Amino acid sequence: MLPGLLTVNLYAAENDAPGCKSHPLIPGMQGYYISGCSSDNAVADFDVQKGKATEAVHVEGKSTAILYKPQPDLKSKPAEAGLKADFGQVITKQGGALVGATPGQKWPVYKLAKDGKEYWIVLLVDGGAYFTGSYGVRVIEKK
């Protein structure tokens, strides 16, 4: 009977960080939990690369940042390309569009107009050899 007791899962499912929830525009991926979040009024200045051109973007408004990590027992984590593609589909199905990517990190930047509001959405994902399955989302609701 003792060996049966020792076969319990060594990894308990992680719960979302207290006070954190997914943004209404972007549901979290199944098998992931929210490890942290923040929300405040912000001024965001970032560059977006469109082909060979780079555009400076200035956005002021309510900023929500959410960090997602895969559950420890998640058997199959998405590939980086799959995560980006799935994320892009969530935005484009709502009428949003890819604006470009940040230079350096190559974080996809989207713009979405919904219910009379303009949103700028950045998918924060460490790419290449640094990809662990974890990702962050920053949503800025423009004033």
C-alpha atoms as a PDB file:
ATOM      1  CA  MET A   1       0.000   0.000   0.000  1.00  0.00           C
ATOM      2  CA  LEU A   2       2.867   2.422   0.703  1.00  0.00           C
ATOM      3  CA  PRO A   3       4.204   2.356  -2.904  1.00  0.00           C
ATOM      4  CA  GLY A   4       0.763   3.461  -4.135  1.00  0.00           C
ATOM      5  CA  LEU A   5       0.887   6.475  -1.853  1.00  0.00           C
ATOM      6  CA  LEU A   6       4.278   7.508  -3.216  1.00  0.00           C
ATOM      7  CA  THR A   7       3.038   7.737  -6.787  1.00  0.00           C
ATOM      8  CA  VAL A   8       1.160  10.990  -6.225  1.00  0.00           C
ATOM      9  CA  ASN A   9       2.012  13.855  -8.527  1.00  0.00           C
ATOM     10  CA  LEU A  10       5.012  15.720  -7.131  1.00  0.00           C
ATOM     11  CA  TYR A  11       3.908  18.962  -8.806  1.00  0.00           C
ATOM     12  CA  ALA A  12       0.757  20.616  -7.590  1.00  0.00           C
ATOM     13  CA  ALA A  13      -1.045  22.890 -10.011  1.00  0.00           C
ATOM     14  CA  GLU A  14      -0.139  26.519  -9.538  1.00  0.00           C
ATOM     15  CA  ASN A  15      -2.896  29.027  -8.857  1.00  0.00           C
ATOM     16  CA  ASP A  16      -3.130  32.492 -10.364  1.00  0.00           C
ATOM     17  CA  ALA A  17      -1.375  35.180  -8.351  1.00  0.00           C
ATOM     18  CA  PRO A  18      -3.745  36.891  -5.897  1.00  0.00           C
ATOM     19  CA  GLY A  19      -5.763  39.683  -7.500  1.00  0.00           C
ATOM     20  CA  CYS A  20      -4.736  38.727 -11.049  1.00  0.00           C
ATOM     21  CA  LYS A  21      -6.977  37.706 -13.912  1.00  0.00           C
ATOM     22  CA  SER A  22      -6.713  37.611 -17.693  1.00  0.00           C
ATOM     23  CA  HIS A  23      -7.585  40.744 -19.658  1.00  0.00           C
ATOM     24  CA  PRO A  24     -11.094  40.529 -21.175  1.00  0.00           C
ATOM     25  CA  LEU A  25      -9.631  40.841 -24.699  1.00  0.00           C
ATOM     26  CA  ILE A  26      -7.034  38.109 -24.238  1.00  0.00           C
ATOM     27  CA  PRO A  27      -7.836  34.887 -22.419  1.00  0.00           C
ATOM     28  CA  GLY A  28      -4.953  32.929 -20.951  1.00  0.00           C
ATOM     29  CA  MET A  29      -3.861  29.704 -22.600  1.00  0.00           C
ATOM     30  CA  GLN A  30      -5.151  26.422 -21.229  1.00  0.00           C
ATOM     31  CA  GLY A  31      -2.575  24.786 -18.980  1.00  0.00           C
ATOM     32  CA  TYR A  32      -1.094  28.134 -17.904  1.00  0.00           C
ATOM     33  CA  TYR A  33      -1.370  30.183 -14.739  1.00  0.00           C
ATOM     34  CA  ILE A  34      -0.826  33.883 -14.034  1.00  0.00           C
ATOM     35  CA  SER A  35       2.380  34.358 -12.066  1.00  0.00           C
ATOM     36  CA  GLY A  36       2.027  38.139 -11.724  1.00  0.00           C
ATOM     37  CA  CYS A  37       0.193  41.190 -12.960  1.00  0.00           C
ATOM     38  CA  SER A  38       0.042  44.954 -12.692  1.00  0.00           C
ATOM     39  CA  SER A  39      -2.326  47.674 -13.770  1.00  0.00           C
ATOM     40  CA  ASP A  40      -1.799  51.409 -13.754  1.00  0.00           C
ATOM     41  CA  ASN A  41      -1.937  54.531 -15.874  1.00  0.00           C
ATOM     42  CA  ALA A  42       1.115  54.655 -18.064  1.00  0.00           C
ATOM     43  CA  VAL A  43       2.924  56.487 -20.788  1.00  0.00           C
ATOM     44  CA  ALA A  44       4.445  54.050 -23.242  1.00  0.00           C
ATOM     45  CA  ASP A  45       6.993  54.958 -25.876  1.00  0.00           C
ATOM     46  CA  PHE A  46       8.281  52.136 -28.020  1.00  0.00           C
ATOM     47  CA  ASP A  47       9.559  51.526 -31.518  1.00  0.00           C
ATOM     48  CA  VAL A  48       7.778  49.270 -33.967  1.00  0.00           C
ATOM     49  CA  GLN A  49       9.562  47.834 -36.970  1.00  0.00           C
ATOM     50  CA  LYS A  50       7.502  47.562 -40.164  1.00  0.00           C
ATOM     51  CA  GLY A  51       9.680  45.874 -42.737  1.00  0.00           C
ATOM     52  CA  LYS A  52      12.808  48.030 -42.953  1.00  0.00           C
ATOM     53  CA  ALA A  53      11.145  51.146 -41.495  1.00  0.00           C
ATOM     54  CA  THR A  54      10.860  51.865 -37.775  1.00  0.00           C
ATOM     55  CA  GLU A  55       8.020  53.919 -36.320  1.00  0.00           C
ATOM     56  CA  ALA A  56       8.007  55.528 -32.865  1.00  0.00           C
ATOM     57  CA  VAL A  57       4.730  54.914 -31.031  1.00  0.00           C
ATOM     58  CA  HIS A  58       3.496  57.005 -28.100  1.00  0.00           C
ATOM     59  CA  VAL A  59       0.487  55.724 -26.144  1.00  0.00           C
ATOM     60  CA  GLU A  60      -0.996  57.005 -22.889  1.00  0.00           C
ATOM     61  CA  GLY A  61      -3.691  55.211 -20.953  1.00  0.00           C
ATOM     62  CA  LYS A  62      -4.534  52.332 -18.656  1.00  0.00           C
ATOM     63  CA  SER A  63      -1.832  49.681 -18.873  1.00  0.00           C
ATOM     64  CA  THR A  64      -2.356  46.087 -17.821  1.00  0.00           C
ATOM     65  CA  ALA A  65       0.546  43.639 -17.758  1.00  0.00           C
ATOM     66  CA  ILE A  66       0.026  39.922 -17.160  1.00  0.00           C
ATOM     67  CA  LEU A  67       2.718  37.232 -16.880  1.00  0.00           C
ATOM     68  CA  TYR A  68       1.804  33.644 -17.751  1.00  0.00           C
ATOM     69  CA  LYS A  69       3.737  30.466 -16.992  1.00  0.00           C
ATOM     70  CA  PRO A  70       2.968  26.881 -17.976  1.00  0.00           C
ATOM     71  CA  GLN A  71       1.717  24.621 -15.212  1.00  0.00           C
ATOM     72  CA  PRO A  72       4.581  22.396 -13.950  1.00  0.00           C
ATOM     73  CA  ASP A  73       2.773  19.247 -15.123  1.00  0.00           C
ATOM     74  CA  LEU A  74       1.902  20.581 -18.608  1.00  0.00           C
ATOM     75  CA  LYS A  75       3.066  17.792 -20.889  1.00  0.00           C
ATOM     76  CA  SER A  76       3.240  19.694 -24.172  1.00  0.00           C
ATOM     77  CA  LYS A  77       4.302  23.326 -24.177  1.00  0.00           C
ATOM     78  CA  PRO A  78       3.683  25.298 -27.364  1.00  0.00           C
ATOM     79  CA  ALA A  79       6.557  26.202 -29.635  1.00  0.00           C
ATOM     80  CA  GLU A  80       7.412  29.890 -29.841  1.00  0.00           C
ATOM     81  CA  ALA A  81       6.006  30.179 -33.387  1.00  0.00           C
ATOM     82  CA  GLY A  82       2.790  28.434 -32.334  1.00  0.00           C
ATOM     83  CA  LEU A  83       2.324  30.708 -29.337  1.00  0.00           C
ATOM     84  CA  LYS A  84       2.770  33.807 -31.515  1.00  0.00           C
ATOM     85  CA  ALA A  85       0.407  32.453 -34.194  1.00  0.00           C
ATOM     86  CA  ASP A  86      -2.312  31.532 -31.678  1.00  0.00           C
ATOM     87  CA  PHE A  87      -1.991  34.924 -29.989  1.00  0.00           C
ATOM     88  CA  GLY A  88      -2.238  36.710 -33.344  1.00  0.00           C
ATOM     89  CA  GLN A  89      -5.419  34.778 -34.186  1.00  0.00           C
ATOM     90  CA  VAL A  90      -7.051  35.877 -30.930  1.00  0.00           C
ATOM     91  CA  ILE A  91      -6.386  39.522 -31.817  1.00  0.00           C
ATOM     92  CA  THR A  92      -7.294  39.359 -35.521  1.00  0.00           C
ATOM     93  CA  LYS A  93     -10.572  37.516 -34.815  1.00  0.00           C
ATOM     94  CA  GLN A  94     -11.585  40.603 -32.837  1.00  0.00           C
ATOM     95  CA  GLY A  95     -10.692  42.935 -35.711  1.00  0.00           C
ATOM     96  CA  GLY A  96      -7.173  43.801 -34.582  1.00  0.00           C
ATOM     97  CA  ALA A  97      -4.090  43.873 -36.752  1.00  0.00           C
ATOM     98  CA  LEU A  98      -0.377  43.319 -36.408  1.00  0.00           C
ATOM     99  CA  VAL A  99       1.383  46.694 -36.551  1.00  0.00           C
ATOM    100  CA  GLY A 100       4.912  45.284 -36.497  1.00  0.00           C
ATOM    101  CA  ALA A 101       7.455  44.062 -33.974  1.00  0.00           C
ATOM    102  CA  THR A 102       9.774  45.722 -31.520  1.00  0.00           C
ATOM    103  CA  PRO A 103      13.382  45.884 -32.718  1.00  0.00           C
ATOM    104  CA  GLY A 104      15.713  43.602 -30.801  1.00  0.00           C
ATOM    105  CA  GLN A 105      13.244  41.413 -28.918  1.00  0.00           C
ATOM    106  CA  LYS A 106      10.914  41.054 -31.935  1.00  0.00           C
ATOM    107  CA  TRP A 107       7.835  41.288 -29.714  1.00  0.00           C
ATOM    108  CA  PRO A 108       4.668  41.438 -31.868  1.00  0.00           C
ATOM    109  CA  VAL A 109       2.692  44.679 -31.464  1.00  0.00           C
ATOM    110  CA  TYR A 110      -1.018  44.785 -32.317  1.00  0.00           C
ATOM    111  CA  LYS A 111      -3.608  47.536 -32.529  1.00  0.00           C
ATOM    112  CA  LEU A 112      -7.272  46.800 -31.850  1.00  0.00           C
ATOM    113  CA  ALA A 113     -10.331  49.069 -31.890  1.00  0.00           C
ATOM    114  CA  LYS A 114     -13.281  47.684 -29.967  1.00  0.00           C
ATOM    115  CA  ASP A 115     -16.357  49.217 -28.353  1.00  0.00           C
ATOM    116  CA  GLY A 116     -15.168  52.728 -29.223  1.00  0.00           C
ATOM    117  CA  LYS A 117     -11.781  52.216 -27.549  1.00  0.00           C
ATOM    118  CA  GLU A 118      -8.292  51.803 -28.990  1.00  0.00           C
ATOM    119  CA  TYR A 119      -5.966  49.176 -27.564  1.00  0.00           C
ATOM    120  CA  TRP A 120      -2.269  48.571 -28.143  1.00  0.00           C
ATOM    121  CA  ILE A 121      -1.246  45.019 -27.299  1.00  0.00           C
ATOM    122  CA  VAL A 122       2.287  43.664 -26.997  1.00  0.00           C
ATOM    123  CA  LEU A 123       3.138  39.963 -26.698  1.00  0.00           C
ATOM    124  CA  LEU A 124       6.256  39.713 -24.522  1.00  0.00           C
ATOM    125  CA  VAL A 125       8.032  36.453 -25.205  1.00  0.00           C
ATOM    126  CA  ASP A 126      11.700  35.562 -24.875  1.00  0.00           C
ATOM    127  CA  GLY A 127      12.569  34.008 -28.184  1.00  0.00           C
ATOM    128  CA  GLY A 128      14.941  31.443 -29.598  1.00  0.00           C
ATOM    129  CA  ALA A 129      17.071  29.528 -27.119  1.00  0.00           C
ATOM    130  CA  TYR A 130      15.526  31.556 -24.267  1.00  0.00           C
ATOM    131  CA  PHE A 131      11.947  30.406 -24.938  1.00  0.00           C
ATOM    132  CA  THR A 132      10.575  28.521 -21.925  1.00  0.00           C
ATOM    133  CA  GLY A 133       6.871  28.591 -22.756  1.00  0.00           C
ATOM    134  CA  SER A 134       6.314  31.578 -20.475  1.00  0.00           C
ATOM    135  CA  TYR A 135       5.027  34.832 -21.905  1.00  0.00           C
ATOM    136  CA  GLY A 136       3.660  38.213 -20.944  1.00  0.00           C
ATOM    137  CA  VAL A 137       0.967  40.437 -22.363  1.00  0.00           C
ATOM    138  CA  ARG A 138       0.780  44.204 -22.071  1.00  0.00           C
ATOM    139  CA  VAL A 139      -2.496  45.878 -23.023  1.00  0.00           C
ATOM    140  CA  ILE A 140      -2.701  49.658 -23.130  1.00  0.00           C
ATOM    141  CA  GLU A 141      -6.155  51.193 -23.456  1.00  0.00           C
ATOM    142  CA  LYS A 142      -5.470  54.537 -25.103  1.00  0.00           C
ATOM    143  CA  LYS A 143      -7.010  57.608 -23.488  1.00  0.00           C
END
